[in-house]
Amino acid sequence: MALEFRCQDVGIACRNVAKAETTDQLVAAVAAHAKAKHGVELNQTLIDYAVTKVRPAGG
């Protein structure tokens, strides 16, 4: 089952939706997006919080 993460779900005004097959792949995609588009390097606290907002794709 595919997973997704939306920047909006953590209070960021961004329409990005990252999708991946595993949590590790999704975290990598979110971290790359956060750095490239928002200038944010994810630390473990931010990663842990982001993982709580992961949901099945299309959900």
N, C-alpha and C. Protein backbone atom coordinates (compact mmCIF):
# COMPACT_ATOMS: atom_id res chain seq x y z
N MET A 1 0.84 -1.18 0.00
CA MET A 1 0.00 0.00 0.00
C MET A 1 0.88 1.24 0.00
N ALA A 2 0.59 2.15 -0.88
CA ALA A 2 1.35 3.40 -0.97
C ALA A 2 0.99 4.31 0.20
N LEU A 3 1.96 5.13 0.59
CA LEU A 3 1.79 6.09 1.68
C LEU A 3 1.96 7.49 1.13
N GLU A 4 1.40 8.46 1.84
CA GLU A 4 1.60 9.85 1.43
C GLU A 4 1.73 10.76 2.63
N PHE A 5 2.37 11.90 2.35
CA PHE A 5 2.56 12.97 3.35
C PHE A 5 2.28 14.28 2.65
N ARG A 6 1.48 15.11 3.30
CA ARG A 6 1.15 16.43 2.77
C ARG A 6 1.73 17.51 3.69
N CYS A 7 2.44 18.46 3.10
CA CYS A 7 3.00 19.56 3.89
C CYS A 7 1.89 20.28 4.68
N GLN A 8 0.73 20.42 4.07
CA GLN A 8 -0.39 21.11 4.72
C GLN A 8 -0.77 20.47 6.05
N ASP A 9 -0.56 19.16 6.18
CA ASP A 9 -0.94 18.45 7.41
C ASP A 9 -0.07 18.83 8.60
N VAL A 10 1.05 19.49 8.35
CA VAL A 10 1.90 19.95 9.45
C VAL A 10 1.93 21.48 9.52
N GLY A 11 0.92 22.10 8.90
CA GLY A 11 0.75 23.54 9.02
C GLY A 11 1.56 24.39 8.06
N ILE A 12 2.09 23.79 7.01
CA ILE A 12 2.87 24.54 6.03
C ILE A 12 2.00 24.84 4.82
N ALA A 13 1.99 26.08 4.39
CA ALA A 13 1.20 26.49 3.23
C ALA A 13 1.91 26.02 1.96
N CYS A 14 1.75 24.75 1.64
CA CYS A 14 2.41 24.13 0.50
C CYS A 14 1.50 23.01 0.02
N ARG A 15 1.38 22.87 -1.28
CA ARG A 15 0.50 21.85 -1.85
C ARG A 15 1.22 20.54 -2.16
N ASN A 16 2.48 20.42 -1.76
CA ASN A 16 3.22 19.20 -2.06
C ASN A 16 2.61 17.99 -1.38
N VAL A 17 2.53 16.91 -2.15
CA VAL A 17 2.11 15.60 -1.63
C VAL A 17 3.19 14.61 -2.03
N ALA A 18 3.91 14.11 -1.04
CA ALA A 18 4.95 13.11 -1.29
C ALA A 18 4.32 11.74 -1.16
N LYS A 19 4.68 10.83 -2.06
CA LYS A 19 4.16 9.47 -2.03
C LYS A 19 5.30 8.48 -2.17
N ALA A 20 5.17 7.35 -1.48
CA ALA A 20 6.17 6.29 -1.56
C ALA A 20 5.55 4.98 -1.07
N GLU A 21 6.27 3.91 -1.29
CA GLU A 21 5.77 2.59 -0.89
C GLU A 21 6.10 2.25 0.56
N THR A 22 7.18 2.84 1.10
CA THR A 22 7.57 2.55 2.48
C THR A 22 7.75 3.85 3.25
N THR A 23 7.71 3.74 4.57
CA THR A 23 7.91 4.92 5.41
C THR A 23 9.30 5.50 5.20
N ASP A 24 10.32 4.63 5.10
CA ASP A 24 11.69 5.12 4.90
C ASP A 24 11.82 5.89 3.59
N GLN A 25 11.22 5.37 2.53
CA GLN A 25 11.26 6.07 1.24
C GLN A 25 10.51 7.40 1.33
N LEU A 26 9.40 7.40 2.04
CA LEU A 26 8.62 8.63 2.18
C LEU A 26 9.38 9.67 2.98
N VAL A 27 10.00 9.27 4.06
CA VAL A 27 10.80 10.21 4.87
C VAL A 27 11.92 10.81 4.02
N ALA A 28 12.56 10.00 3.20
CA ALA A 28 13.62 10.51 2.33
C ALA A 28 13.07 11.54 1.36
N ALA A 29 11.91 11.27 0.79
CA ALA A 29 11.30 12.21 -0.17
C ALA A 29 10.88 13.50 0.54
N VAL A 30 10.31 13.38 1.72
CA VAL A 30 9.89 14.56 2.47
C VAL A 30 11.10 15.38 2.88
N ALA A 31 12.16 14.72 3.32
CA ALA A 31 13.38 15.44 3.72
C ALA A 31 13.98 16.20 2.54
N ALA A 32 14.01 15.57 1.38
CA ALA A 32 14.54 16.23 0.19
C ALA A 32 13.69 17.44 -0.19
N HIS A 33 12.37 17.29 -0.14
CA HIS A 33 11.47 18.40 -0.44
C HIS A 33 11.62 19.53 0.58
N ALA A 34 11.66 19.17 1.85
CA ALA A 34 11.78 20.18 2.91
C ALA A 34 13.04 21.03 2.73
N LYS A 35 14.13 20.37 2.37
CA LYS A 35 15.40 21.10 2.18
C LYS A 35 15.35 21.95 0.92
N ALA A 36 14.89 21.38 -0.19
CA ALA A 36 14.90 22.08 -1.48
C ALA A 36 13.90 23.23 -1.54
N LYS A 37 12.72 23.02 -1.02
CA LYS A 37 11.65 24.01 -1.18
C LYS A 37 11.42 24.91 0.03
N HIS A 38 11.78 24.40 1.22
CA HIS A 38 11.50 25.17 2.43
C HIS A 38 12.77 25.56 3.19
N GLY A 39 13.92 25.08 2.73
CA GLY A 39 15.18 25.41 3.40
C GLY A 39 15.31 24.82 4.79
N VAL A 40 14.63 23.69 5.02
CA VAL A 40 14.61 23.08 6.35
C VAL A 40 15.29 21.71 6.30
N GLU A 41 16.24 21.52 7.19
CA GLU A 41 16.88 20.21 7.37
C GLU A 41 16.10 19.49 8.47
N LEU A 42 15.57 18.32 8.15
CA LEU A 42 14.79 17.59 9.14
C LEU A 42 15.70 16.93 10.17
N ASN A 43 15.43 17.21 11.45
CA ASN A 43 16.12 16.50 12.52
C ASN A 43 15.20 15.37 12.98
N GLN A 44 15.63 14.58 13.94
CA GLN A 44 14.84 13.42 14.35
C GLN A 44 13.48 13.81 14.92
N THR A 45 13.40 14.93 15.62
CA THR A 45 12.13 15.38 16.17
C THR A 45 11.14 15.71 15.06
N LEU A 46 11.61 16.41 14.02
CA LEU A 46 10.73 16.74 12.89
C LEU A 46 10.33 15.48 12.12
N ILE A 47 11.25 14.55 11.98
CA ILE A 47 10.93 13.30 11.29
C ILE A 47 9.88 12.53 12.07
N ASP A 48 10.07 12.43 13.38
CA ASP A 48 9.10 11.71 14.22
C ASP A 48 7.71 12.33 14.10
N TYR A 49 7.65 13.66 14.10
CA TYR A 49 6.37 14.34 13.96
C TYR A 49 5.76 14.10 12.57
N ALA A 50 6.58 14.20 11.54
CA ALA A 50 6.08 14.00 10.18
C ALA A 50 5.50 12.60 10.01
N VAL A 51 6.15 11.61 10.60
CA VAL A 51 5.68 10.23 10.48
C VAL A 51 4.28 10.07 11.08
N THR A 52 3.95 10.88 12.08
CA THR A 52 2.60 10.78 12.66
C THR A 52 1.53 11.28 11.69
N LYS A 53 1.94 12.00 10.65
CA LYS A 53 1.00 12.55 9.67
C LYS A 53 0.93 11.74 8.38
N VAL A 54 1.69 10.65 8.32
CA VAL A 54 1.66 9.78 7.14
C VAL A 54 0.34 9.04 7.11
N ARG A 55 -0.19 8.89 5.90
CA ARG A 55 -1.46 8.18 5.73
C ARG A 55 -1.42 7.36 4.44
N PRO A 56 -2.38 6.44 4.31
CA PRO A 56 -2.43 5.71 3.04
C PRO A 56 -2.67 6.68 1.89
N ALA A 57 -2.05 6.44 0.77
CA ALA A 57 -2.21 7.32 -0.39
C ALA A 57 -3.67 7.39 -0.80
N GLY A 58 -4.11 8.60 -1.08
CA GLY A 58 -5.50 8.82 -1.48
C GLY A 58 -6.44 8.96 -0.31
N GLY A 59 -5.91 8.88 0.91
CA GLY A 59 -6.76 8.90 2.10
C GLY A 59 -6.97 10.25 2.68
